[in-house]
Amino acid sequence: MTTVRQLDRGAWLSVNGSRELGISNLWPLARSEFCDCEITDFLAEGFVEIGVYPPDIDARFAGRCITCGTEGTTDWLTLGRVTDPDSGEFFGVDPDALHVPERRTRLSKPV
């Protein structure tokens, strides 16, 4: 079984007791409705919600675009995936890569 948690008041994603991804990363977002910038340079300031959408682990972040100053919450971003629930091995995404936030029409399982 894989455990997924937020730690330190939404500052870290923990998978099976291991801190895998923290806030304060700059996430370049394409095709984002967050702000009017062509590429949103999003500074993640906290996890708002983490969900499991097997095999993906997704999140919505609170933060701001450092280019235009818009503040708010992102749509869902994939943080990584657990390919084998028995071992719980987590493969995280590269926050520096270009990401496309998704609006979800169906709910992910909240953590």
PDB file of N, CA and C in Angstrom:
ATOM      1  N   MET A   1       0.837  -1.178   0.000  1.00  0.00           N
ATOM      2  CA  MET A   1       0.000   0.000   0.000  1.00  0.00           C
ATOM      3  C   MET A   1       0.888   1.250   0.000  1.00  0.00           C
ATOM      4  N   THR A   2       0.470   2.259  -0.729  1.00  0.00           N
ATOM      5  CA  THR A   2       1.208   3.507  -0.830  1.00  0.00           C
ATOM      6  C   THR A   2       0.521   4.571   0.011  1.00  0.00           C
ATOM      7  N   THR A   3       1.282   5.278   0.849  1.00  0.00           N
ATOM      8  CA  THR A   3       0.721   6.377   1.630  1.00  0.00           C
ATOM      9  C   THR A   3       1.192   7.701   1.039  1.00  0.00           C
ATOM     10  N   VAL A   4       0.265   8.630   0.921  1.00  0.00           N
ATOM     11  CA  VAL A   4       0.541   9.958   0.380  1.00  0.00           C
ATOM     12  C   VAL A   4       0.003  10.965   1.386  1.00  0.00           C
ATOM     13  N   ARG A   5       0.868  11.914   1.773  1.00  0.00           N
ATOM     14  CA  ARG A   5       0.473  12.906   2.785  1.00  0.00           C
ATOM     15  C   ARG A   5       1.098  14.260   2.484  1.00  0.00           C
ATOM     16  N   GLN A   6       0.463  15.288   3.028  1.00  0.00           N
ATOM     17  CA  GLN A   6       1.064  16.618   3.081  1.00  0.00           C
ATOM     18  C   GLN A   6       1.753  16.742   4.431  1.00  0.00           C
ATOM     19  N   LEU A   7       2.924  17.332   4.434  1.00  0.00           N
ATOM     20  CA  LEU A   7       3.656  17.558   5.686  1.00  0.00           C
ATOM     21  C   LEU A   7       3.909  19.045   5.879  1.00  0.00           C
ATOM     22  N   ASP A   8       4.177  19.408   7.103  1.00  0.00           N
ATOM     23  CA  ASP A   8       4.584  20.772   7.461  1.00  0.00           C
ATOM     24  C   ASP A   8       3.643  21.831   6.898  1.00  0.00           C
ATOM     25  N   ARG A   9       2.352  21.649   7.190  1.00  0.00           N
ATOM     26  CA  ARG A   9       1.315  22.623   6.801  1.00  0.00           C
ATOM     27  C   ARG A   9       1.286  22.879   5.300  1.00  0.00           C
ATOM     28  N   GLY A  10       1.403  21.822   4.531  1.00  0.00           N
ATOM     29  CA  GLY A  10       1.300  21.946   3.080  1.00  0.00           C
ATOM     30  C   GLY A  10       2.583  22.323   2.378  1.00  0.00           C
ATOM     31  N   ALA A  11       3.724  22.147   3.035  1.00  0.00           N
ATOM     32  CA  ALA A  11       5.003  22.512   2.427  1.00  0.00           C
ATOM     33  C   ALA A  11       5.671  21.353   1.690  1.00  0.00           C
ATOM     34  N   TRP A  12       5.277  20.115   2.007  1.00  0.00           N
ATOM     35  CA  TRP A  12       5.917  18.946   1.410  1.00  0.00           C
ATOM     36  C   TRP A  12       4.899  17.890   1.023  1.00  0.00           C
ATOM     37  N   LEU A  13       5.209  17.160  -0.047  1.00  0.00           N
ATOM     38  CA  LEU A  13       4.494  15.942  -0.410  1.00  0.00           C
ATOM     39  C   LEU A  13       5.334  14.783   0.095  1.00  0.00           C
ATOM     40  N   SER A  14       4.703  13.915   0.866  1.00  0.00           N
ATOM     41  CA  SER A  14       5.369  12.724   1.379  1.00  0.00           C
ATOM     42  C   SER A  14       4.729  11.497   0.734  1.00  0.00           C
ATOM     43  N   VAL A  15       5.558  10.613   0.196  1.00  0.00           N
ATOM     44  CA  VAL A  15       5.100   9.347  -0.358  1.00  0.00           C
ATOM     45  C   VAL A  15       5.826   8.247   0.410  1.00  0.00           C
ATOM     46  N   ASN A  16       5.053   7.410   1.077  1.00  0.00           N
ATOM     47  CA  ASN A  16       5.599   6.328   1.902  1.00  0.00           C
ATOM     48  C   ASN A  16       6.627   6.829   2.917  1.00  0.00           C
ATOM     49  N   GLY A  17       6.326   7.973   3.528  1.00  0.00           N
ATOM     50  CA  GLY A  17       7.190   8.504   4.581  1.00  0.00           C
ATOM     51  C   GLY A  17       8.426   9.231   4.091  1.00  0.00           C
ATOM     52  N   SER A  18       8.571   9.384   2.786  1.00  0.00           N
ATOM     53  CA  SER A  18       9.732  10.073   2.223  1.00  0.00           C
ATOM     54  C   SER A  18       9.296  11.404   1.619  1.00  0.00           C
ATOM     55  N   ARG A  19       9.974  12.482   2.008  1.00  0.00           N
ATOM     56  CA  ARG A  19       9.672  13.796   1.425  1.00  0.00           C
ATOM     57  C   ARG A  19      10.131  13.802  -0.022  1.00  0.00           C
ATOM     58  N   GLU A  20       9.167  13.945  -0.909  1.00  0.00           N
ATOM     59  CA  GLU A  20       9.465  13.838  -2.334  1.00  0.00           C
ATOM     60  C   GLU A  20       9.481  15.168  -3.068  1.00  0.00           C
ATOM     61  N   LEU A  21       8.606  16.085  -2.681  1.00  0.00           N
ATOM     62  CA  LEU A  21       8.505  17.341  -3.414  1.00  0.00           C
ATOM     63  C   LEU A  21       8.074  18.435  -2.460  1.00  0.00           C
ATOM     64  N   GLY A  22       8.832  19.531  -2.451  1.00  0.00           N
ATOM     65  CA  GLY A  22       8.498  20.655  -1.586  1.00  0.00           C
ATOM     66  C   GLY A  22       8.008  21.839  -2.384  1.00  0.00           C
ATOM     67  N   ILE A  23       7.520  22.832  -1.661  1.00  0.00           N
ATOM     68  CA  ILE A  23       7.085  24.057  -2.321  1.00  0.00           C
ATOM     69  C   ILE A  23       8.307  24.934  -2.583  1.00  0.00           C
ATOM     70  N   SER A  24       8.086  26.120  -3.041  1.00  0.00           N
ATOM     71  CA  SER A  24       9.120  27.101  -3.387  1.00  0.00           C
ATOM     72  C   SER A  24       9.790  26.782  -4.707  1.00  0.00           C
ATOM     73  N   ASN A  25       9.236  25.844  -5.464  1.00  0.00           N
ATOM     74  CA  ASN A  25       9.735  25.594  -6.811  1.00  0.00           C
ATOM     75  C   ASN A  25       9.035  26.536  -7.780  1.00  0.00           C
ATOM     76  N   LEU A  26       9.712  26.855  -8.858  1.00  0.00           N
ATOM     77  CA  LEU A  26       9.121  27.631  -9.931  1.00  0.00           C
ATOM     78  C   LEU A  26       8.645  26.652 -10.999  1.00  0.00           C
ATOM     79  N   TRP A  27       7.349  26.644 -11.257  1.00  0.00           N
ATOM     80  CA  TRP A  27       6.731  25.734 -12.223  1.00  0.00           C
ATOM     81  C   TRP A  27       6.321  26.528 -13.460  1.00  0.00           C
ATOM     82  N   PRO A  28       6.971  26.320 -14.607  1.00  0.00           N
ATOM     83  CA  PRO A  28       6.501  26.962 -15.824  1.00  0.00           C
ATOM     84  C   PRO A  28       5.218  26.269 -16.307  1.00  0.00           C
ATOM     85  N   LEU A  29       4.156  27.056 -16.494  1.00  0.00           N
ATOM     86  CA  LEU A  29       2.863  26.508 -16.882  1.00  0.00           C
ATOM     87  C   LEU A  29       2.465  27.021 -18.264  1.00  0.00           C
ATOM     88  N   ALA A  30       2.102  26.099 -19.151  1.00  0.00           N
ATOM     89  CA  ALA A  30       1.628  26.451 -20.491  1.00  0.00           C
ATOM     90  C   ALA A  30       0.118  26.243 -20.557  1.00  0.00           C
ATOM     91  N   ARG A  31      -0.523  27.000 -21.421  1.00  0.00           N
ATOM     92  CA  ARG A  31      -1.981  26.890 -21.617  1.00  0.00           C
ATOM     93  C   ARG A  31      -2.720  26.953 -20.283  1.00  0.00           C
ATOM     94  N   SER A  32      -2.244  27.805 -19.414  1.00  0.00           N
ATOM     95  CA  SER A  32      -2.819  27.939 -18.079  1.00  0.00           C
ATOM     96  C   SER A  32      -3.838  29.068 -18.061  1.00  0.00           C
ATOM     97  N   GLU A  33      -4.905  28.877 -17.314  1.00  0.00           N
ATOM     98  CA  GLU A  33      -5.887  29.925 -17.112  1.00  0.00           C
ATOM     99  C   GLU A  33      -5.563  30.734 -15.859  1.00  0.00           C
ATOM    100  N   PHE A  34      -4.403  30.490 -15.267  1.00  0.00           N
ATOM    101  CA  PHE A  34      -4.021  31.148 -14.025  1.00  0.00           C
ATOM    102  C   PHE A  34      -3.850  32.657 -14.213  1.00  0.00           C
ATOM    103  N   CYS A  35      -3.183  33.030 -15.309  1.00  0.00           N
ATOM    104  CA  CYS A  35      -2.967  34.449 -15.598  1.00  0.00           C
ATOM    105  C   CYS A  35      -2.899  34.624 -17.111  1.00  0.00           C
ATOM    106  N   ASP A  36      -2.669  35.850 -17.561  1.00  0.00           N
ATOM    107  CA  ASP A  36      -2.641  36.142 -18.994  1.00  0.00           C
ATOM    108  C   ASP A  36      -1.269  35.961 -19.639  1.00  0.00           C
ATOM    109  N   CYS A  37      -0.258  35.580 -18.866  1.00  0.00           N
ATOM    110  CA  CYS A  37       1.082  35.383 -19.429  1.00  0.00           C
ATOM    111  C   CYS A  37       1.077  34.177 -20.377  1.00  0.00           C
ATOM    112  N   GLU A  38       1.871  34.272 -21.448  1.00  0.00           N
ATOM    113  CA  GLU A  38       1.955  33.146 -22.385  1.00  0.00           C
ATOM    114  C   GLU A  38       2.462  31.895 -21.666  1.00  0.00           C
ATOM    115  N   ILE A  39       3.532  32.042 -20.902  1.00  0.00           N
ATOM    116  CA  ILE A  39       4.028  30.995 -20.010  1.00  0.00           C
ATOM    117  C   ILE A  39       3.968  31.573 -18.603  1.00  0.00           C
ATOM    118  N   THR A  40       3.215  30.925 -17.727  1.00  0.00           N
ATOM    119  CA  THR A  40       3.106  31.376 -16.337  1.00  0.00           C
ATOM    120  C   THR A  40       4.322  30.875 -15.570  1.00  0.00           C
ATOM    121  N   ASP A  41       5.090  31.791 -14.998  1.00  0.00           N
ATOM    122  CA  ASP A  41       6.211  31.429 -14.129  1.00  0.00           C
ATOM    123  C   ASP A  41       5.659  31.358 -12.714  1.00  0.00           C
ATOM    124  N   PHE A  42       5.126  30.188 -12.365  1.00  0.00           N
ATOM    125  CA  PHE A  42       4.374  30.019 -11.129  1.00  0.00           C
ATOM    126  C   PHE A  42       5.272  29.619  -9.975  1.00  0.00           C
ATOM    127  N   LEU A  43       5.277  30.432  -8.918  1.00  0.00           N
ATOM    128  CA  LEU A  43       6.015  30.125  -7.695  1.00  0.00           C
ATOM    129  C   LEU A  43       5.059  29.441  -6.735  1.00  0.00           C
ATOM    130  N   ALA A  44       5.292  28.155  -6.482  1.00  0.00           N
ATOM    131  CA  ALA A  44       4.443  27.378  -5.579  1.00  0.00           C
ATOM    132  C   ALA A  44       4.735  27.780  -4.138  1.00  0.00           C
ATOM    133  N   GLU A  45       3.690  28.201  -3.416  1.00  0.00           N
ATOM    134  CA  GLU A  45       3.847  28.641  -2.030  1.00  0.00           C
ATOM    135  C   GLU A  45       3.191  27.686  -1.038  1.00  0.00           C
ATOM    136  N   GLY A  46       2.423  26.723  -1.531  1.00  0.00           N
ATOM    137  CA  GLY A  46       1.793  25.753  -0.642  1.00  0.00           C
ATOM    138  C   GLY A  46       0.886  24.810  -1.399  1.00  0.00           C
ATOM    139  N   PHE A  47       0.783  23.586  -0.909  1.00  0.00           N
ATOM    140  CA  PHE A  47      -0.167  22.640  -1.473  1.00  0.00           C
ATOM    141  C   PHE A  47      -1.552  22.988  -0.941  1.00  0.00           C
ATOM    142  N   VAL A  48      -2.524  23.162  -1.820  1.00  0.00           N
ATOM    143  CA  VAL A  48      -3.898  23.413  -1.428  1.00  0.00           C
ATOM    144  C   VAL A  48      -4.633  22.091  -1.294  1.00  0.00           C
ATOM    145  N   GLU A  49      -4.359  21.207  -2.244  1.00  0.00           N
ATOM    146  CA  GLU A  49      -5.056  19.926  -2.285  1.00  0.00           C
ATOM    147  C   GLU A  49      -4.166  18.919  -2.998  1.00  0.00           C
ATOM    148  N   ILE A  50      -4.110  17.716  -2.467  1.00  0.00           N
ATOM    149  CA  ILE A  50      -3.390  16.628  -3.121  1.00  0.00           C
ATOM    150  C   ILE A  50      -4.399  15.531  -3.393  1.00  0.00           C
ATOM    151  N   GLY A  51      -4.325  14.964  -4.573  1.00  0.00           N
ATOM    152  CA  GLY A  51      -5.249  13.897  -4.929  1.00  0.00           C
ATOM    153  C   GLY A  51      -4.514  12.757  -5.601  1.00  0.00           C
ATOM    154  N   VAL A  52      -5.094  11.594  -5.500  1.00  0.00           N
ATOM    155  CA  VAL A  52      -4.560  10.412  -6.165  1.00  0.00           C
ATOM    156  C   VAL A  52      -5.488  10.100  -7.314  1.00  0.00           C
ATOM    157  N   TYR A  53      -4.935  10.048  -8.482  1.00  0.00           N
ATOM    158  CA  TYR A  53      -5.654   9.793  -9.721  1.00  0.00           C
ATOM    159  C   TYR A  53      -4.866   8.685 -10.406  1.00  0.00           C
ATOM    160  N   PRO A  54      -4.995   7.433  -9.895  1.00  0.00           N
ATOM    161  CA  PRO A  54      -4.063   6.346 -10.225  1.00  0.00           C
ATOM    162  C   PRO A  54      -3.728   6.240 -11.710  1.00  0.00           C
ATOM    163  N   PRO A  55      -2.431   6.097 -11.990  1.00  0.00           N
ATOM    164  CA  PRO A  55      -1.309   5.956 -11.063  1.00  0.00           C
ATOM    165  C   PRO A  55      -0.690   7.292 -10.655  1.00  0.00           C
ATOM    166  N   ASP A  56      -1.303   8.405 -11.069  1.00  0.00           N
ATOM    167  CA  ASP A  56      -0.719   9.722 -10.805  1.00  0.00           C
ATOM    168  C   ASP A  56      -1.047  10.247  -9.424  1.00  0.00           C
ATOM    169  N   ILE A  57      -0.137  11.069  -8.919  1.00  0.00           N
ATOM    170  CA  ILE A  57      -0.370  11.874  -7.728  1.00  0.00           C
ATOM    171  C   ILE A  57      -0.370  13.315  -8.215  1.00  0.00           C
ATOM    172  N   ASP A  58      -1.459  14.009  -7.954  1.00  0.00           N
ATOM    173  CA  ASP A  58      -1.674  15.353  -8.468  1.00  0.00           C
ATOM    174  C   ASP A  58      -1.835  16.341  -7.332  1.00  0.00           C
ATOM    175  N   ALA A  59      -1.711  17.630  -7.655  1.00  0.00           N
ATOM    176  CA  ALA A  59      -1.907  18.661  -6.633  1.00  0.00           C
ATOM    177  C   ALA A  59      -2.404  19.946  -7.267  1.00  0.00           C
ATOM    178  N   ARG A  60      -3.023  20.731  -6.427  1.00  0.00           N
ATOM    179  CA  ARG A  60      -3.336  22.120  -6.738  1.00  0.00           C
ATOM    180  C   ARG A  60      -2.491  22.951  -5.772  1.00  0.00           C
ATOM    181  N   PHE A  61      -1.784  23.935  -6.303  1.00  0.00           N
ATOM    182  CA  PHE A  61      -0.899  24.778  -5.511  1.00  0.00           C
ATOM    183  C   PHE A  61      -1.490  26.169  -5.325  1.00  0.00           C
ATOM    184  N   ALA A  62      -1.182  26.785  -4.213  1.00  0.00           N
ATOM    185  CA  ALA A  62      -1.382  28.217  -4.016  1.00  0.00           C
ATOM    186  C   ALA A  62      -0.055  28.875  -4.332  1.00  0.00           C
ATOM    187  N   GLY A  63      -0.122  30.052  -4.933  1.00  0.00           N
ATOM    188  CA  GLY A  63       1.112  30.762  -5.245  1.00  0.00           C
ATOM    189  C   GLY A  63       0.860  31.948  -6.135  1.00  0.00           C
ATOM    190  N   ARG A  64       1.912  32.327  -6.863  1.00  0.00           N
ATOM    191  CA  ARG A  64       1.824  33.537  -7.691  1.00  0.00           C
ATOM    192  C   ARG A  64       2.666  33.401  -8.950  1.00  0.00           C
ATOM    193  N   CYS A  65       2.270  34.141  -9.975  1.00  0.00           N
ATOM    194  CA  CYS A  65       3.085  34.269 -11.186  1.00  0.00           C
ATOM    195  C   CYS A  65       4.119  35.351 -10.889  1.00  0.00           C
ATOM    196  N   ILE A  66       5.386  35.008 -11.008  1.00  0.00           N
ATOM    197  CA  ILE A  66       6.416  36.003 -10.682  1.00  0.00           C
ATOM    198  C   ILE A  66       6.591  37.029 -11.797  1.00  0.00           C
ATOM    199  N   THR A  67       5.992  36.795 -12.958  1.00  0.00           N
ATOM    200  CA  THR A  67       6.080  37.754 -14.057  1.00  0.00           C
ATOM    201  C   THR A  67       5.064  38.882 -13.899  1.00  0.00           C
ATOM    202  N   CYS A  68       3.783  38.522 -13.673  1.00  0.00           N
ATOM    203  CA  CYS A  68       2.733  39.544 -13.623  1.00  0.00           C
ATOM    204  C   CYS A  68       2.186  39.790 -12.222  1.00  0.00           C
ATOM    205  N   GLY A  69       2.508  38.911 -11.248  1.00  0.00           N
ATOM    206  CA  GLY A  69       2.073  39.110  -9.875  1.00  0.00           C
ATOM    207  C   GLY A  69       0.717  38.514  -9.521  1.00  0.00           C
ATOM    208  N   THR A  70       0.032  37.876 -10.480  1.00  0.00           N
ATOM    209  CA  THR A  70      -1.257  37.265 -10.183  1.00  0.00           C
ATOM    210  C   THR A  70      -1.091  36.209  -9.096  1.00  0.00           C
ATOM    211  N   GLU A  71      -2.002  36.222  -8.110  1.00  0.00           N
ATOM    212  CA  GLU A  71      -1.977  35.243  -7.023  1.00  0.00           C
ATOM    213  C   GLU A  71      -3.226  34.383  -7.093  1.00  0.00           C
ATOM    214  N   GLY A  72      -3.103  33.114  -6.668  1.00  0.00           N
ATOM    215  CA  GLY A  72      -4.267  32.246  -6.654  1.00  0.00           C
ATOM    216  C   GLY A  72      -3.882  30.789  -6.536  1.00  0.00           C
ATOM    217  N   THR A  73      -4.767  29.944  -7.052  1.00  0.00           N
ATOM    218  CA  THR A  73      -4.607  28.497  -6.985  1.00  0.00           C
ATOM    219  C   THR A  73      -4.605  27.918  -8.390  1.00  0.00           C
ATOM    220  N   THR A  74      -3.708  26.991  -8.635  1.00  0.00           N
ATOM    221  CA  THR A  74      -3.625  26.345  -9.949  1.00  0.00           C
ATOM    222  C   THR A  74      -4.739  25.315 -10.114  1.00  0.00           C
ATOM    223  N   ASP A  75      -4.937  24.904 -11.357  1.00  0.00           N
ATOM    224  CA  ASP A  75      -5.694  23.692 -11.618  1.00  0.00           C
ATOM    225  C   ASP A  75      -4.767  22.532 -11.251  1.00  0.00           C
ATOM    226  N   TRP A  76      -5.189  21.307 -11.521  1.00  0.00           N
ATOM    227  CA  TRP A  76      -4.424  20.119 -11.127  1.00  0.00           C
ATOM    228  C   TRP A  76      -3.132  19.991 -11.931  1.00  0.00           C
ATOM    229  N   LEU A  77      -2.042  19.739 -11.224  1.00  0.00           N
ATOM    230  CA  LEU A  77      -0.739  19.454 -11.828  1.00  0.00           C
ATOM    231  C   LEU A  77      -0.289  18.065 -11.375  1.00  0.00           C
ATOM    232  N   THR A  78       0.249  17.297 -12.300  1.00  0.00           N
ATOM    233  CA  THR A  78       0.772  15.981 -11.949  1.00  0.00           C
ATOM    234  C   THR A  78       2.126  16.146 -11.286  1.00  0.00           C
ATOM    235  N   LEU A  79       2.277  15.555 -10.096  1.00  0.00           N
ATOM    236  CA  LEU A  79       3.533  15.621  -9.356  1.00  0.00           C
ATOM    237  C   LEU A  79       4.416  14.419  -9.633  1.00  0.00           C
ATOM    238  N   GLY A  80       3.800  13.318 -10.031  1.00  0.00           N
ATOM    239  CA  GLY A  80       4.534  12.090 -10.299  1.00  0.00           C
ATOM    240  C   GLY A  80       3.578  10.926 -10.300  1.00  0.00           C
ATOM    241  N   ARG A  81       4.154   9.719 -10.336  1.00  0.00           N
ATOM    242  CA  ARG A  81       3.300   8.533 -10.342  1.00  0.00           C
ATOM    243  C   ARG A  81       3.936   7.407  -9.564  1.00  0.00           C
ATOM    244  N   VAL A  82       3.063   6.569  -9.048  1.00  0.00           N
ATOM    245  CA  VAL A  82       3.461   5.339  -8.372  1.00  0.00           C
ATOM    246  C   VAL A  82       3.113   4.214  -9.328  1.00  0.00           C
ATOM    247  N   THR A  83       4.140   3.586  -9.901  1.00  0.00           N
ATOM    248  CA  THR A  83       3.882   2.574 -10.923  1.00  0.00           C
ATOM    249  C   THR A  83       3.589   1.203 -10.341  1.00  0.00           C
ATOM    250  N   ASP A  84       4.034   0.957  -9.111  1.00  0.00           N
ATOM    251  CA  ASP A  84       3.783  -0.325  -8.458  1.00  0.00           C
ATOM    252  C   ASP A  84       3.301  -0.048  -7.037  1.00  0.00           C
ATOM    253  N   PRO A  85       1.970  -0.172  -6.800  1.00  0.00           N
ATOM    254  CA  PRO A  85       1.445   0.136  -5.471  1.00  0.00           C
ATOM    255  C   PRO A  85       2.040  -0.734  -4.362  1.00  0.00           C
ATOM    256  N   ASP A  86       2.477  -1.943  -4.683  1.00  0.00           N
ATOM    257  CA  ASP A  86       3.052  -2.810  -3.655  1.00  0.00           C
ATOM    258  C   ASP A  86       4.388  -2.283  -3.136  1.00  0.00           C
ATOM    259  N   SER A  87       5.241  -1.829  -4.056  1.00  0.00           N
ATOM    260  CA  SER A  87       6.539  -1.297  -3.631  1.00  0.00           C
ATOM    261  C   SER A  87       6.442   0.185  -3.267  1.00  0.00           C
ATOM    262  N   GLY A  88       5.450   0.883  -3.838  1.00  0.00           N
ATOM    263  CA  GLY A  88       5.282   2.305  -3.561  1.00  0.00           C
ATOM    264  C   GLY A  88       6.330   3.182  -4.192  1.00  0.00           C
ATOM    265  N   GLU A  89       7.056   2.660  -5.180  1.00  0.00           N
ATOM    266  CA  GLU A  89       8.103   3.452  -5.817  1.00  0.00           C
ATOM    267  C   GLU A  89       7.485   4.647  -6.541  1.00  0.00           C
ATOM    268  N   PHE A  90       7.966   5.842  -6.205  1.00  0.00           N
ATOM    269  CA  PHE A  90       7.435   7.095  -6.724  1.00  0.00           C
ATOM    270  C   PHE A  90       8.417   7.690  -7.734  1.00  0.00           C
ATOM    271  N   PHE A  91       7.893   8.092  -8.878  1.00  0.00           N
ATOM    272  CA  PHE A  91       8.682   8.768  -9.902  1.00  0.00           C
ATOM    273  C   PHE A  91       8.124  10.177 -10.050  1.00  0.00           C
ATOM    274  N   GLY A  92       8.862  11.158  -9.536  1.00  0.00           N
ATOM    275  CA  GLY A  92       8.415  12.546  -9.565  1.00  0.00           C
ATOM    276  C   GLY A  92       8.710  13.225 -10.884  1.00  0.00           C
ATOM    277  N   VAL A  93       7.906  14.242 -11.197  1.00  0.00           N
ATOM    278  CA  VAL A  93       8.139  15.051 -12.385  1.00  0.00           C
ATOM    279  C   VAL A  93       9.232  16.073 -12.085  1.00  0.00           C
ATOM    280  N   ASP A  94       9.752  16.677 -13.115  1.00  0.00           N
ATOM    281  CA  ASP A  94      10.734  17.744 -12.979  1.00  0.00           C
ATOM    282  C   ASP A  94       9.973  19.068 -12.926  1.00  0.00           C
ATOM    283  N   PRO A  95       9.967  19.761 -11.777  1.00  0.00           N
ATOM    284  CA  PRO A  95       9.231  21.022 -11.695  1.00  0.00           C
ATOM    285  C   PRO A  95       9.695  22.052 -12.725  1.00  0.00           C
ATOM    286  N   ASP A  96      10.945  21.964 -13.181  1.00  0.00           N
ATOM    287  CA  ASP A  96      11.478  22.923 -14.143  1.00  0.00           C
ATOM    288  C   ASP A  96      10.978  22.691 -15.569  1.00  0.00           C
ATOM    289  N   ALA A  97      10.399  21.525 -15.836  1.00  0.00           N
ATOM    290  CA  ALA A  97       9.860  21.233 -17.167  1.00  0.00           C
ATOM    291  C   ALA A  97       8.555  22.015 -17.359  1.00  0.00           C
ATOM    292  N   LEU A  98       8.135  22.151 -18.596  1.00  0.00           N
ATOM    293  CA  LEU A  98       6.885  22.847 -18.902  1.00  0.00           C
ATOM    294  C   LEU A  98       5.698  21.950 -18.556  1.00  0.00           C
ATOM    295  N   HIS A  99       4.739  22.475 -17.780  1.00  0.00           N
ATOM    296  CA  HIS A  99       3.576  21.704 -17.320  1.00  0.00           C
ATOM    297  C   HIS A  99       2.290  22.334 -17.833  1.00  0.00           C
ATOM    298  N   VAL A 100       1.278  21.499 -18.036  1.00  0.00           N
ATOM    299  CA  VAL A 100      -0.037  21.973 -18.461  1.00  0.00           C
ATOM    300  C   VAL A 100      -1.041  21.586 -17.378  1.00  0.00           C
ATOM    301  N   PRO A 101      -1.553  22.563 -16.627  1.00  0.00           N
ATOM    302  CA  PRO A 101      -2.546  22.256 -15.600  1.00  0.00           C
ATOM    303  C   PRO A 101      -3.832  21.724 -16.235  1.00  0.00           C
ATOM    304  N   GLU A 102      -4.525  20.852 -15.504  1.00  0.00           N
ATOM    305  CA  GLU A 102      -5.770  20.262 -15.992  1.00  0.00           C
ATOM    306  C   GLU A 102      -6.924  20.623 -15.081  1.00  0.00           C
ATOM    307  N   ARG A 103      -8.048  20.937 -15.694  1.00  0.00           N
ATOM    308  CA  ARG A 103      -9.291  21.022 -14.930  1.00  0.00           C
ATOM    309  C   ARG A 103      -9.848  19.626 -14.915  1.00  0.00           C
ATOM    310  N   ARG A 104     -10.296  19.186 -13.801  1.00  0.00           N
ATOM    311  CA  ARG A 104     -10.823  17.832 -13.686  1.00  0.00           C
ATOM    312  C   ARG A 104     -12.334  17.870 -13.700  1.00  0.00           C
ATOM    313  N   THR A 105     -12.926  17.093 -14.591  1.00  0.00           N
ATOM    314  CA  THR A 105     -14.388  16.975 -14.595  1.00  0.00           C
ATOM    315  C   THR A 105     -14.825  15.876 -13.649  1.00  0.00           C
ATOM    316  N   ARG A 106     -13.941  14.953 -13.345  1.00  0.00           N
ATOM    317  CA  ARG A 106     -14.235  13.951 -12.332  1.00  0.00           C
ATOM    318  C   ARG A 106     -13.249  14.147 -11.191  1.00  0.00           C
ATOM    319  N   LEU A 107     -13.675  13.835 -10.041  1.00  0.00           N
ATOM    320  CA  LEU A 107     -12.879  14.110  -8.844  1.00  0.00           C
ATOM    321  C   LEU A 107     -11.776  13.086  -8.665  1.00  0.00           C
ATOM    322  N   SER A 108     -10.626  13.560  -8.233  1.00  0.00           N
ATOM    323  CA  SER A 108      -9.589  12.635  -7.805  1.00  0.00           C
ATOM    324  C   SER A 108      -9.851  12.309  -6.352  1.00  0.00           C
ATOM    325  N   LYS A 109      -9.299  11.232  -5.908  1.00  0.00           N
ATOM    326  CA  LYS A 109      -9.463  10.833  -4.515  1.00  0.00           C
ATOM    327  C   LYS A 109      -8.605  11.742  -3.654  1.00  0.00           C
ATOM    328  N   PRO A 110      -9.205  12.546  -2.769  1.00  0.00           N
ATOM    329  CA  PRO A 110      -8.399  13.453  -1.946  1.00  0.00           C
ATOM    330  C   PRO A 110      -7.569  12.689  -0.930  1.00  0.00           C
ATOM    331  N   VAL A 111      -6.451  13.300  -0.595  1.00  0.00           N
ATOM    332  CA  VAL A 111      -5.534  12.716   0.390  1.00  0.00           C
ATOM    333  C   VAL A 111      -5.662  13.480   1.671  1.00  0.00           C
TER     334      VAL A 111
END
